[in-house]
Every structure is written in C-alpha cells, then in structure tokens.
Amino acid sequence: MKRPVTTEIPLRCTCGALRGRARPSPRSPRLICHCDDCQCYMHFLERGELMDDWGGSEVLQMTPARIELSQGADQLACVRLSPKGLMRWYARCCSTPIANTMASAGMAFAGVLVALVDLPADAHTRDEALGPMTARVNGRARLSGVQGAPKLALFPLLTIARALRLMIGGKLRGEHQPSPFFDEGGAPRVTPQVLSESERDELRARLPTYPRG
C-alpha cells in the first residue's frame, strides 16, 4: 500500500502553538527506530511517553522542502547529543519532537517524528495517510533475546537504500530548500544546544533494560 501522491499531512505540537503540514512522496519510508540516541532524545525532552513499549520512535522520512511550518516557527529549538550528532529539532513550547536532520543544509533529508502528525489515532486512517510501516531498525543489542520484543531488521539494507534514494533524488530535485530548519544561506534557524558527555551519560542511564527470555 502506497500513500496517494497528493497526501497532505497536518502537523501540530502537543500544545498547538506550532503547526504546519507535510507532503510526503508516495515512497517516503516510514519506520520505527529503537536506537539509544533516539531514546536519549526523548528522555532529554521528557517525552518518554511518545515511544512505544520497546523504546521505538516512529519516523516518516522525507525531504525538507516537503515540510512547512505555518504557525509557531518561533518555538523551534534544536539539540545535538554530541558535537557531530544529528540535528534534532523540537518545539520548545511543549517539547514535542519535530524532525531529525543532518548538520548540513545541503542534505535533502528530514526524519519527521510521527508524534508531530495531527491525525486520528485509529490505525487504518494513519496507515492510509502515512503509508505502510517498512521496518523496525536498530536496537538489536538491547532487544535481542528479549521475550516478546518486536522483530528488528538485522541488516536493514533496503531501509538504507530507500533513505539514500530519498536524499539523492531530493538533492537532484533541489528539495533541500526551502527548509523550515535552515535559512537560504544554509545556517540553522536556531543555534543548536550541544550536550556534554556527562549530560549524554545521564540520559543513557535512564534507558530501560529488559529481562531476557
């Protein structure tokens, strides 16, 4: 099942101060990431309830030009878990995660957190708009052998290939701009907060451990 070409998805932070829309392509990958960094990010925001029972965050990958913030852009904030880490954008009004991007404005890639999507909760409606779930990735070191844990892609080559196709195709089409995250000169619209090693360690200490099956 692919989403319609004309799909327009409403975006809204938890408190409603920040709003916008996204226009994913029919091939925009939808996945759940279980990596430690994504979990640390949610704990940094104090929004652990947005992860699933296994520490997964749902992401819809697209190009920046397909994302528009129509209201509340002044609430945009950004954090990096390390000096070379992803740019992780969120709404500072209510700590709603928005998207993950590369540090370079020239990269045509943004992973929109589905927590920002303003759609009914029923699975059918969301699947029609967001498309099928393509994979659960990362986190095997934490979840491998845990009874009842979801199946994770061992070598997510197809997921990687889809992301590369998205970035390369988006760059060729010039869809790295306009961007809600970088200005026309390529500078971040807000200065990212870069966490220290001790701050990262404190967040990692909060990650759950699971009993082995």
N, C-alpha and C. Protein backbone atom coordinates (compact mmCIF):
# COMPACT_ATOMS: atom_id res chain seq x y z
N MET A 1 0.84 -1.20 0.00
CA MET A 1 0.00 0.00 0.00
C MET A 1 0.87 1.24 0.00
N LYS A 2 0.70 2.11 -1.00
CA LYS A 2 1.39 3.40 -1.04
C LYS A 2 0.41 4.51 -0.75
N ARG A 3 0.90 5.60 -0.15
CA ARG A 3 0.02 6.73 0.08
C ARG A 3 -0.24 7.46 -1.24
N PRO A 4 -1.36 8.15 -1.37
CA PRO A 4 -1.63 8.91 -2.59
C PRO A 4 -0.59 10.01 -2.80
N VAL A 5 -0.34 10.34 -4.07
CA VAL A 5 0.66 11.36 -4.38
C VAL A 5 0.27 12.71 -3.76
N THR A 6 -1.01 12.98 -3.63
CA THR A 6 -1.49 14.29 -3.17
C THR A 6 -1.65 14.37 -1.66
N THR A 7 -1.22 13.35 -0.93
CA THR A 7 -1.43 13.35 0.51
C THR A 7 -0.78 14.57 1.16
N GLU A 8 -1.54 15.25 2.00
CA GLU A 8 -1.02 16.37 2.80
C GLU A 8 -1.33 16.05 4.26
N ILE A 9 -0.31 16.00 5.06
CA ILE A 9 -0.46 15.58 6.45
C ILE A 9 -0.35 16.78 7.37
N PRO A 10 -1.35 17.02 8.23
CA PRO A 10 -1.27 18.13 9.17
C PRO A 10 -0.28 17.84 10.29
N LEU A 11 0.44 18.86 10.71
CA LEU A 11 1.41 18.76 11.79
C LEU A 11 0.98 19.68 12.93
N ARG A 12 1.16 19.22 14.17
CA ARG A 12 0.76 20.02 15.32
C ARG A 12 1.54 19.55 16.54
N CYS A 13 2.14 20.48 17.26
CA CYS A 13 2.79 20.11 18.51
C CYS A 13 1.72 19.83 19.56
N THR A 14 2.11 19.30 20.69
CA THR A 14 1.15 18.89 21.70
C THR A 14 0.27 20.03 22.17
N CYS A 15 0.85 21.20 22.37
CA CYS A 15 0.06 22.33 22.89
C CYS A 15 -0.62 23.13 21.80
N GLY A 16 -0.25 22.90 20.55
CA GLY A 16 -0.90 23.58 19.44
C GLY A 16 -0.26 24.89 19.03
N ALA A 17 0.81 25.30 19.69
CA ALA A 17 1.45 26.57 19.34
C ALA A 17 2.16 26.49 17.99
N LEU A 18 2.68 25.32 17.68
CA LEU A 18 3.39 25.12 16.41
C LEU A 18 2.54 24.22 15.52
N ARG A 19 2.34 24.66 14.28
CA ARG A 19 1.52 23.90 13.34
C ARG A 19 2.14 23.98 11.94
N GLY A 20 1.75 23.06 11.11
CA GLY A 20 2.23 23.07 9.74
C GLY A 20 1.65 21.91 8.97
N ARG A 21 2.37 21.53 7.91
CA ARG A 21 1.92 20.42 7.08
C ARG A 21 3.14 19.77 6.44
N ALA A 22 2.95 18.52 6.04
CA ALA A 22 3.99 17.79 5.33
C ALA A 22 3.36 17.13 4.11
N ARG A 23 4.15 17.02 3.05
CA ARG A 23 3.67 16.40 1.81
C ARG A 23 4.64 15.27 1.43
N PRO A 24 4.58 14.16 2.13
CA PRO A 24 5.50 13.07 1.80
C PRO A 24 5.22 12.51 0.42
N SER A 25 6.28 12.02 -0.21
CA SER A 25 6.09 11.38 -1.51
C SER A 25 5.52 9.98 -1.30
N PRO A 26 4.98 9.36 -2.35
CA PRO A 26 4.44 8.00 -2.19
C PRO A 26 5.48 7.00 -1.71
N ARG A 27 6.77 7.32 -1.89
CA ARG A 27 7.83 6.39 -1.49
C ARG A 27 8.54 6.79 -0.21
N SER A 28 8.03 7.77 0.50
CA SER A 28 8.68 8.19 1.75
C SER A 28 8.67 7.05 2.76
N PRO A 29 9.84 6.59 3.22
CA PRO A 29 9.87 5.46 4.16
C PRO A 29 9.28 5.84 5.52
N ARG A 30 8.54 4.91 6.08
CA ARG A 30 8.00 5.03 7.43
C ARG A 30 8.58 3.89 8.25
N LEU A 31 9.23 4.22 9.35
CA LEU A 31 9.90 3.18 10.14
C LEU A 31 9.85 3.52 11.62
N ILE A 32 10.25 2.55 12.43
CA ILE A 32 10.37 2.75 13.87
C ILE A 32 11.82 2.49 14.24
N CYS A 33 12.44 3.47 14.88
CA CYS A 33 13.85 3.37 15.27
C CYS A 33 13.95 3.13 16.78
N HIS A 34 14.75 2.14 17.15
CA HIS A 34 14.93 1.78 18.55
C HIS A 34 16.32 2.14 19.07
N CYS A 35 17.07 2.97 18.35
CA CYS A 35 18.46 3.22 18.74
C CYS A 35 18.54 3.99 20.07
N ASP A 36 19.69 3.85 20.73
CA ASP A 36 19.89 4.52 22.01
C ASP A 36 19.78 6.04 21.89
N ASP A 37 20.30 6.59 20.78
CA ASP A 37 20.27 8.05 20.62
C ASP A 37 18.85 8.57 20.53
N CYS A 38 17.99 7.88 19.79
CA CYS A 38 16.59 8.33 19.69
C CYS A 38 15.91 8.25 21.05
N GLN A 39 16.24 7.23 21.83
CA GLN A 39 15.67 7.12 23.17
C GLN A 39 16.20 8.23 24.08
N CYS A 40 17.49 8.51 23.98
CA CYS A 40 18.06 9.60 24.78
C CYS A 40 17.40 10.93 24.43
N TYR A 41 17.15 11.13 23.16
CA TYR A 41 16.49 12.35 22.70
C TYR A 41 15.12 12.51 23.36
N MET A 42 14.34 11.45 23.39
CA MET A 42 13.02 11.52 24.01
C MET A 42 13.13 11.79 25.51
N HIS A 43 14.14 11.21 26.16
CA HIS A 43 14.32 11.47 27.58
C HIS A 43 14.82 12.89 27.82
N PHE A 44 15.63 13.42 26.92
CA PHE A 44 16.04 14.83 27.01
C PHE A 44 14.81 15.74 26.98
N LEU A 45 13.86 15.41 26.13
CA LEU A 45 12.63 16.20 26.02
C LEU A 45 11.64 15.92 27.15
N GLU A 46 11.92 14.88 27.96
CA GLU A 46 10.97 14.43 28.98
C GLU A 46 9.66 13.99 28.34
N ARG A 47 9.79 13.33 27.17
CA ARG A 47 8.60 12.86 26.44
C ARG A 47 8.69 11.36 26.19
N GLY A 48 9.11 10.62 27.19
CA GLY A 48 9.22 9.18 27.06
C GLY A 48 7.93 8.50 26.67
N GLU A 49 6.79 9.13 26.96
CA GLU A 49 5.50 8.50 26.63
C GLU A 49 5.26 8.43 25.13
N LEU A 50 6.06 9.15 24.34
CA LEU A 50 5.89 9.13 22.90
C LEU A 50 6.56 7.92 22.24
N MET A 51 7.37 7.17 23.00
CA MET A 51 7.96 5.95 22.48
C MET A 51 7.01 4.78 22.70
N ASP A 52 7.20 3.72 21.92
CA ASP A 52 6.39 2.53 22.15
C ASP A 52 6.96 1.73 23.32
N ASP A 53 6.38 0.57 23.59
CA ASP A 53 6.77 -0.22 24.76
C ASP A 53 8.21 -0.72 24.69
N TRP A 54 8.81 -0.64 23.50
CA TRP A 54 10.17 -1.15 23.31
C TRP A 54 11.14 -0.03 22.97
N GLY A 55 10.79 1.19 23.35
CA GLY A 55 11.69 2.32 23.13
C GLY A 55 11.78 2.78 21.70
N GLY A 56 10.78 2.48 20.90
CA GLY A 56 10.80 2.84 19.49
C GLY A 56 10.14 4.18 19.22
N SER A 57 10.73 4.94 18.30
CA SER A 57 10.17 6.21 17.85
C SER A 57 9.80 6.08 16.38
N GLU A 58 8.56 6.44 16.04
CA GLU A 58 8.10 6.32 14.66
C GLU A 58 8.50 7.55 13.86
N VAL A 59 9.08 7.30 12.69
CA VAL A 59 9.64 8.37 11.86
C VAL A 59 9.14 8.21 10.43
N LEU A 60 8.85 9.33 9.79
CA LEU A 60 8.49 9.37 8.38
C LEU A 60 9.55 10.19 7.66
N GLN A 61 10.30 9.55 6.77
CA GLN A 61 11.42 10.22 6.12
C GLN A 61 10.96 10.93 4.86
N MET A 62 11.43 12.17 4.69
CA MET A 62 11.09 12.96 3.51
C MET A 62 12.15 14.04 3.31
N THR A 63 11.95 14.90 2.35
CA THR A 63 12.89 15.99 2.11
C THR A 63 12.39 17.26 2.80
N PRO A 64 13.31 18.16 3.20
CA PRO A 64 12.91 19.37 3.93
C PRO A 64 11.92 20.25 3.19
N ALA A 65 12.01 20.32 1.86
CA ALA A 65 11.11 21.19 1.10
C ALA A 65 9.66 20.73 1.18
N ARG A 66 9.43 19.51 1.64
CA ARG A 66 8.08 18.98 1.76
C ARG A 66 7.48 19.23 3.15
N ILE A 67 8.19 20.02 3.97
CA ILE A 67 7.72 20.33 5.33
C ILE A 67 7.53 21.83 5.44
N GLU A 68 6.40 22.25 5.93
CA GLU A 68 6.12 23.67 6.10
C GLU A 68 5.60 23.93 7.51
N LEU A 69 6.18 24.91 8.17
CA LEU A 69 5.68 25.36 9.47
C LEU A 69 4.93 26.66 9.24
N SER A 70 3.62 26.61 9.38
CA SER A 70 2.77 27.77 9.08
C SER A 70 2.50 28.63 10.31
N GLN A 71 2.77 28.09 11.49
CA GLN A 71 2.49 28.81 12.73
C GLN A 71 3.48 28.35 13.79
N GLY A 72 3.98 29.30 14.59
CA GLY A 72 4.81 28.94 15.73
C GLY A 72 6.25 28.61 15.40
N ALA A 73 6.76 29.09 14.26
CA ALA A 73 8.15 28.81 13.92
C ALA A 73 9.11 29.41 14.95
N ASP A 74 8.64 30.41 15.69
CA ASP A 74 9.49 30.99 16.74
C ASP A 74 9.69 30.04 17.91
N GLN A 75 8.95 28.94 17.95
CA GLN A 75 9.10 27.93 19.01
C GLN A 75 10.13 26.86 18.65
N LEU A 76 10.74 26.98 17.47
CA LEU A 76 11.69 25.98 17.00
C LEU A 76 12.95 25.97 17.88
N ALA A 77 13.36 24.79 18.28
CA ALA A 77 14.59 24.61 19.06
C ALA A 77 15.31 23.38 18.51
N CYS A 78 16.59 23.25 18.88
CA CYS A 78 17.40 22.17 18.33
C CYS A 78 18.42 21.69 19.35
N VAL A 79 18.66 20.38 19.37
CA VAL A 79 19.67 19.81 20.25
C VAL A 79 20.49 18.80 19.45
N ARG A 80 21.77 18.68 19.80
CA ARG A 80 22.64 17.64 19.26
C ARG A 80 23.18 16.85 20.45
N LEU A 81 23.09 15.54 20.38
CA LEU A 81 23.54 14.72 21.50
C LEU A 81 25.06 14.68 21.61
N SER A 82 25.74 15.05 20.54
CA SER A 82 27.20 15.14 20.52
C SER A 82 27.59 16.18 19.49
N PRO A 83 28.85 16.64 19.49
CA PRO A 83 29.24 17.68 18.53
C PRO A 83 29.03 17.29 17.07
N LYS A 84 29.04 16.00 16.75
CA LYS A 84 28.85 15.55 15.38
C LYS A 84 27.51 14.82 15.19
N GLY A 85 26.64 14.90 16.16
CA GLY A 85 25.37 14.18 16.10
C GLY A 85 24.36 14.84 15.19
N LEU A 86 23.26 14.13 14.96
CA LEU A 86 22.16 14.68 14.17
C LEU A 86 21.62 15.95 14.81
N MET A 87 21.06 16.81 13.97
CA MET A 87 20.32 17.98 14.46
C MET A 87 18.91 17.47 14.78
N ARG A 88 18.53 17.58 16.04
CA ARG A 88 17.23 17.07 16.48
C ARG A 88 16.36 18.28 16.87
N TRP A 89 15.36 18.52 16.04
CA TRP A 89 14.53 19.72 16.17
C TRP A 89 13.27 19.41 16.98
N TYR A 90 12.87 20.38 17.79
CA TYR A 90 11.68 20.19 18.62
C TYR A 90 11.02 21.54 18.90
N ALA A 91 9.78 21.47 19.39
CA ALA A 91 9.04 22.68 19.78
C ALA A 91 9.32 22.96 21.24
N ARG A 92 9.96 24.08 21.53
CA ARG A 92 10.35 24.35 22.92
C ARG A 92 9.15 24.68 23.80
N CYS A 93 8.00 25.03 23.19
CA CYS A 93 6.81 25.35 23.98
C CYS A 93 6.33 24.15 24.78
N CYS A 94 6.41 22.95 24.20
CA CYS A 94 5.89 21.76 24.88
C CYS A 94 6.77 20.54 24.66
N SER A 95 7.99 20.77 24.17
CA SER A 95 8.98 19.69 23.97
C SER A 95 8.45 18.57 23.07
N THR A 96 7.72 18.94 22.03
CA THR A 96 7.29 17.96 21.05
C THR A 96 8.39 17.78 20.01
N PRO A 97 8.84 16.54 19.77
CA PRO A 97 9.86 16.33 18.74
C PRO A 97 9.30 16.62 17.35
N ILE A 98 10.11 17.26 16.52
CA ILE A 98 9.66 17.63 15.18
C ILE A 98 10.33 16.76 14.12
N ALA A 99 11.66 16.83 14.05
CA ALA A 99 12.36 16.10 12.99
C ALA A 99 13.84 15.98 13.32
N ASN A 100 14.49 15.02 12.67
CA ASN A 100 15.93 14.86 12.72
C ASN A 100 16.50 15.19 11.35
N THR A 101 17.58 15.97 11.31
CA THR A 101 18.23 16.28 10.04
C THR A 101 19.74 16.11 10.20
N MET A 102 20.42 16.07 9.05
CA MET A 102 21.87 16.14 9.06
C MET A 102 22.28 17.56 9.43
N ALA A 103 23.56 17.73 9.74
CA ALA A 103 24.05 19.06 10.12
C ALA A 103 24.17 19.98 8.93
N SER A 104 24.28 19.41 7.73
CA SER A 104 24.45 20.22 6.52
C SER A 104 23.10 20.53 5.89
N ALA A 105 22.90 21.80 5.57
CA ALA A 105 21.65 22.21 4.92
C ALA A 105 21.55 21.66 3.51
N GLY A 106 22.65 21.20 2.95
CA GLY A 106 22.64 20.67 1.59
C GLY A 106 22.13 19.25 1.49
N MET A 107 21.92 18.59 2.62
CA MET A 107 21.42 17.21 2.61
C MET A 107 19.90 17.23 2.55
N ALA A 108 19.35 16.61 1.53
CA ALA A 108 17.90 16.61 1.33
C ALA A 108 17.26 15.50 2.13
N PHE A 109 17.27 15.64 3.44
CA PHE A 109 16.76 14.58 4.30
C PHE A 109 16.21 15.17 5.60
N ALA A 110 15.04 14.69 5.99
CA ALA A 110 14.47 15.02 7.29
C ALA A 110 13.61 13.84 7.75
N GLY A 111 13.87 13.38 8.95
CA GLY A 111 13.05 12.32 9.53
C GLY A 111 12.02 12.94 10.46
N VAL A 112 10.80 13.07 10.00
CA VAL A 112 9.74 13.72 10.78
C VAL A 112 9.22 12.74 11.83
N LEU A 113 9.21 13.16 13.08
CA LEU A 113 8.67 12.31 14.15
C LEU A 113 7.15 12.27 14.03
N VAL A 114 6.60 11.08 13.96
CA VAL A 114 5.16 10.92 13.75
C VAL A 114 4.37 11.44 14.96
N ALA A 115 5.04 11.64 16.10
CA ALA A 115 4.39 12.27 17.25
C ALA A 115 3.87 13.66 16.91
N LEU A 116 4.43 14.28 15.86
CA LEU A 116 4.01 15.62 15.44
C LEU A 116 2.80 15.58 14.52
N VAL A 117 2.49 14.42 13.97
CA VAL A 117 1.42 14.30 12.99
C VAL A 117 0.06 14.42 13.67
N ASP A 118 -0.79 15.26 13.12
CA ASP A 118 -2.11 15.52 13.71
C ASP A 118 -3.17 14.75 12.94
N LEU A 119 -3.25 13.44 13.22
CA LEU A 119 -4.21 12.56 12.57
C LEU A 119 -4.96 11.76 13.63
N PRO A 120 -6.15 11.26 13.29
CA PRO A 120 -6.86 10.38 14.24
C PRO A 120 -6.00 9.19 14.62
N ALA A 121 -6.25 8.66 15.80
CA ALA A 121 -5.39 7.61 16.34
C ALA A 121 -5.63 6.25 15.71
N ASP A 122 -6.77 6.07 15.01
CA ASP A 122 -7.05 4.72 14.52
C ASP A 122 -6.05 4.33 13.44
N ALA A 123 -5.63 3.08 13.49
CA ALA A 123 -4.54 2.58 12.65
C ALA A 123 -4.86 2.69 11.17
N HIS A 124 -6.12 2.44 10.78
CA HIS A 124 -6.47 2.46 9.36
C HIS A 124 -6.27 3.84 8.76
N THR A 125 -6.78 4.86 9.45
CA THR A 125 -6.65 6.23 8.95
C THR A 125 -5.19 6.63 8.84
N ARG A 126 -4.41 6.30 9.86
CA ARG A 126 -2.99 6.66 9.86
C ARG A 126 -2.23 5.91 8.77
N ASP A 127 -2.54 4.64 8.58
CA ASP A 127 -1.86 3.87 7.54
C ASP A 127 -2.18 4.41 6.15
N GLU A 128 -3.42 4.84 5.93
CA GLU A 128 -3.78 5.40 4.64
C GLU A 128 -2.98 6.66 4.34
N ALA A 129 -2.77 7.50 5.35
CA ALA A 129 -2.06 8.76 5.15
C ALA A 129 -0.55 8.60 5.17
N LEU A 130 -0.05 7.76 6.07
CA LEU A 130 1.39 7.65 6.27
C LEU A 130 2.02 6.54 5.45
N GLY A 131 1.22 5.64 4.92
CA GLY A 131 1.76 4.53 4.17
C GLY A 131 2.13 3.38 5.09
N PRO A 132 2.57 2.26 4.53
CA PRO A 132 2.87 1.08 5.33
C PRO A 132 4.15 1.26 6.14
N MET A 133 4.22 0.57 7.27
CA MET A 133 5.44 0.53 8.05
C MET A 133 6.46 -0.33 7.30
N THR A 134 7.63 0.23 7.03
CA THR A 134 8.61 -0.51 6.23
C THR A 134 9.56 -1.33 7.08
N ALA A 135 9.86 -0.89 8.30
CA ALA A 135 10.83 -1.66 9.10
C ALA A 135 10.90 -1.12 10.52
N ARG A 136 11.34 -1.99 11.42
CA ARG A 136 11.82 -1.59 12.74
C ARG A 136 13.33 -1.77 12.70
N VAL A 137 14.06 -0.73 13.06
CA VAL A 137 15.51 -0.77 12.90
C VAL A 137 16.23 -0.41 14.19
N ASN A 138 17.49 -0.85 14.26
CA ASN A 138 18.40 -0.55 15.37
C ASN A 138 17.89 -1.17 16.67
N GLY A 139 18.69 -1.12 17.68
CA GLY A 139 18.26 -1.63 18.97
C GLY A 139 18.40 -3.12 19.17
N ARG A 140 19.01 -3.84 18.21
CA ARG A 140 19.13 -5.29 18.38
C ARG A 140 19.98 -5.64 19.59
N ALA A 141 21.01 -4.85 19.86
CA ALA A 141 21.87 -5.13 21.01
C ALA A 141 21.08 -5.07 22.31
N ARG A 142 20.07 -4.23 22.35
CA ARG A 142 19.28 -4.07 23.57
C ARG A 142 18.12 -5.07 23.64
N LEU A 143 17.54 -5.41 22.49
CA LEU A 143 16.31 -6.20 22.48
C LEU A 143 16.50 -7.65 22.05
N SER A 144 17.66 -7.98 21.50
CA SER A 144 17.89 -9.35 21.04
C SER A 144 17.76 -10.34 22.20
N GLY A 145 16.93 -11.35 22.00
CA GLY A 145 16.74 -12.37 23.03
C GLY A 145 15.72 -12.01 24.08
N VAL A 146 15.11 -10.85 23.99
CA VAL A 146 14.10 -10.44 24.96
C VAL A 146 12.74 -11.02 24.55
N GLN A 147 12.11 -11.73 25.46
CA GLN A 147 10.84 -12.37 25.16
C GLN A 147 9.78 -11.33 24.82
N GLY A 148 9.09 -11.55 23.68
CA GLY A 148 8.02 -10.66 23.27
C GLY A 148 8.45 -9.41 22.54
N ALA A 149 9.76 -9.19 22.39
CA ALA A 149 10.24 -7.99 21.70
C ALA A 149 9.90 -8.07 20.22
N PRO A 150 9.65 -6.93 19.57
CA PRO A 150 9.33 -6.96 18.14
C PRO A 150 10.53 -7.39 17.32
N LYS A 151 10.24 -7.89 16.14
CA LYS A 151 11.29 -8.30 15.23
C LYS A 151 11.94 -7.08 14.60
N LEU A 152 13.27 -7.00 14.70
CA LEU A 152 14.01 -5.89 14.13
C LEU A 152 14.78 -6.35 12.90
N ALA A 153 14.94 -5.44 11.95
CA ALA A 153 15.71 -5.78 10.75
C ALA A 153 17.17 -6.00 11.14
N LEU A 154 17.71 -7.15 10.77
CA LEU A 154 19.09 -7.48 11.13
C LEU A 154 20.08 -6.64 10.33
N PHE A 155 19.94 -6.65 9.02
CA PHE A 155 20.75 -5.82 8.14
C PHE A 155 19.77 -5.03 7.26
N PRO A 156 19.36 -3.84 7.71
CA PRO A 156 18.29 -3.11 7.01
C PRO A 156 18.78 -2.46 5.72
N LEU A 157 19.29 -3.30 4.78
CA LEU A 157 19.84 -2.76 3.55
C LEU A 157 18.79 -2.05 2.73
N LEU A 158 17.57 -2.60 2.69
CA LEU A 158 16.52 -1.95 1.92
C LEU A 158 16.16 -0.61 2.52
N THR A 159 16.13 -0.53 3.86
CA THR A 159 15.84 0.74 4.53
C THR A 159 16.92 1.77 4.22
N ILE A 160 18.18 1.35 4.25
CA ILE A 160 19.28 2.25 3.92
C ILE A 160 19.18 2.70 2.47
N ALA A 161 18.87 1.77 1.58
CA ALA A 161 18.75 2.11 0.16
C ALA A 161 17.63 3.12 -0.08
N ARG A 162 16.52 2.95 0.63
CA ARG A 162 15.41 3.90 0.48
C ARG A 162 15.81 5.29 0.95
N ALA A 163 16.55 5.36 2.06
CA ALA A 163 16.98 6.66 2.58
C ALA A 163 17.96 7.32 1.60
N LEU A 164 18.87 6.54 1.03
CA LEU A 164 19.81 7.09 0.06
C LEU A 164 19.09 7.58 -1.19
N ARG A 165 18.12 6.80 -1.65
CA ARG A 165 17.34 7.23 -2.82
C ARG A 165 16.60 8.53 -2.53
N LEU A 166 16.07 8.64 -1.32
CA LEU A 166 15.38 9.86 -0.92
C LEU A 166 16.32 11.06 -0.95
N MET A 167 17.52 10.90 -0.36
CA MET A 167 18.47 12.01 -0.29
C MET A 167 19.01 12.39 -1.66
N ILE A 168 19.39 11.40 -2.45
CA ILE A 168 19.97 11.69 -3.76
C ILE A 168 18.93 12.29 -4.69
N GLY A 169 17.75 11.65 -4.74
CA GLY A 169 16.69 12.17 -5.58
C GLY A 169 16.24 13.56 -5.15
N GLY A 170 16.14 13.76 -3.83
CA GLY A 170 15.74 15.07 -3.33
C GLY A 170 16.75 16.14 -3.65
N LYS A 171 18.03 15.79 -3.56
CA LYS A 171 19.09 16.76 -3.89
C LYS A 171 19.03 17.13 -5.37
N LEU A 172 18.84 16.15 -6.23
CA LEU A 172 18.76 16.41 -7.67
C LEU A 172 17.56 17.29 -8.01
N ARG A 173 16.48 17.14 -7.25
CA ARG A 173 15.29 17.95 -7.49
C ARG A 173 15.33 19.28 -6.74
N GLY A 174 16.38 19.51 -5.98
CA GLY A 174 16.51 20.76 -5.24
C GLY A 174 15.60 20.84 -4.03
N GLU A 175 15.23 19.68 -3.45
CA GLU A 175 14.28 19.68 -2.34
C GLU A 175 14.96 19.79 -0.97
N HIS A 176 16.23 20.18 -0.93
CA HIS A 176 16.86 20.50 0.35
C HIS A 176 16.45 21.91 0.81
N GLN A 177 15.93 22.71 -0.11
CA GLN A 177 15.42 24.04 0.17
C GLN A 177 14.12 24.24 -0.61
N PRO A 178 13.21 25.09 -0.09
CA PRO A 178 13.28 25.78 1.21
C PRO A 178 13.14 24.80 2.36
N SER A 179 13.75 25.15 3.48
CA SER A 179 13.74 24.28 4.65
C SER A 179 13.24 25.05 5.87
N PRO A 180 12.40 24.43 6.68
CA PRO A 180 11.98 25.09 7.93
C PRO A 180 13.10 25.11 8.96
N PHE A 181 14.19 24.40 8.70
CA PHE A 181 15.25 24.24 9.69
C PHE A 181 16.52 25.04 9.38
N PHE A 182 16.76 25.35 8.10
CA PHE A 182 17.94 26.10 7.68
C PHE A 182 17.51 27.27 6.81
N ASP A 183 18.20 28.40 6.95
CA ASP A 183 17.86 29.55 6.11
C ASP A 183 18.48 29.40 4.72
N GLU A 184 18.26 30.39 3.87
CA GLU A 184 18.70 30.31 2.48
C GLU A 184 20.21 30.22 2.36
N GLY A 185 20.92 30.73 3.36
CA GLY A 185 22.38 30.67 3.35
C GLY A 185 22.93 29.38 3.93
N GLY A 186 22.05 28.50 4.41
CA GLY A 186 22.48 27.21 4.94
C GLY A 186 22.73 27.19 6.43
N ALA A 187 22.45 28.30 7.12
CA ALA A 187 22.66 28.35 8.57
C ALA A 187 21.42 27.83 9.30
N PRO A 188 21.60 27.12 10.44
CA PRO A 188 20.44 26.69 11.23
C PRO A 188 19.62 27.89 11.66
N ARG A 189 18.31 27.73 11.66
CA ARG A 189 17.44 28.85 12.03
C ARG A 189 17.53 29.17 13.52
N VAL A 190 17.98 28.21 14.32
CA VAL A 190 18.28 28.47 15.72
C VAL A 190 19.61 27.78 16.04
N THR A 191 20.32 28.29 17.03
CA THR A 191 21.59 27.70 17.42
C THR A 191 21.35 26.41 18.20
N PRO A 192 21.92 25.30 17.75
CA PRO A 192 21.69 24.03 18.46
C PRO A 192 22.36 24.02 19.83
N GLN A 193 21.71 23.39 20.78
CA GLN A 193 22.32 23.06 22.06
C GLN A 193 23.08 21.76 21.88
N VAL A 194 24.36 21.74 22.24
CA VAL A 194 25.17 20.52 22.13
C VAL A 194 25.40 19.97 23.52
N LEU A 195 24.98 18.74 23.75
CA LEU A 195 25.09 18.14 25.07
C LEU A 195 26.54 17.74 25.36
N SER A 196 26.90 17.83 26.62
CA SER A 196 28.22 17.38 27.06
C SER A 196 28.22 15.86 27.23
N GLU A 197 29.40 15.30 27.38
CA GLU A 197 29.50 13.86 27.57
C GLU A 197 28.78 13.42 28.84
N SER A 198 28.89 14.21 29.90
CA SER A 198 28.22 13.85 31.15
C SER A 198 26.71 13.94 31.01
N GLU A 199 26.22 14.90 30.25
CA GLU A 199 24.78 15.00 30.01
C GLU A 199 24.28 13.81 29.21
N ARG A 200 25.06 13.37 28.22
CA ARG A 200 24.67 12.18 27.45
C ARG A 200 24.66 10.95 28.33
N ASP A 201 25.68 10.83 29.19
CA ASP A 201 25.74 9.66 30.08
C ASP A 201 24.54 9.62 31.01
N GLU A 202 24.12 10.78 31.47
CA GLU A 202 22.96 10.85 32.37
C GLU A 202 21.71 10.37 31.66
N LEU A 203 21.55 10.74 30.39
CA LEU A 203 20.39 10.29 29.63
C LEU A 203 20.45 8.79 29.37
N ARG A 204 21.63 8.28 29.03
CA ARG A 204 21.77 6.85 28.75
C ARG A 204 21.47 6.01 29.99
N ALA A 205 21.76 6.56 31.15
CA ALA A 205 21.48 5.82 32.39
C ALA A 205 19.98 5.64 32.60
N ARG A 206 19.18 6.39 31.89
CA ARG A 206 17.73 6.30 32.04
C ARG A 206 17.10 5.30 31.06
N LEU A 207 17.90 4.75 30.15
CA LEU A 207 17.35 3.81 29.19
C LEU A 207 17.00 2.51 29.89
N PRO A 208 15.90 1.89 29.50
CA PRO A 208 15.45 0.67 30.20
C PRO A 208 16.31 -0.54 29.85
N THR A 209 16.32 -1.48 30.77
CA THR A 209 16.87 -2.80 30.48
C THR A 209 15.71 -3.79 30.52
N TYR A 210 15.80 -4.84 29.72
CA TYR A 210 14.70 -5.78 29.58
C TYR A 210 15.16 -7.17 30.02
N PRO A 211 14.31 -7.89 30.74
CA PRO A 211 14.68 -9.26 31.13
C PRO A 211 14.77 -10.16 29.90
N ARG A 212 15.79 -11.00 29.87
CA ARG A 212 15.99 -11.91 28.73
C ARG A 212 15.02 -13.09 28.83
N GLY A 213 14.61 -13.56 27.66
CA GLY A 213 13.68 -14.67 27.62
C GLY A 213 14.35 -15.99 27.92
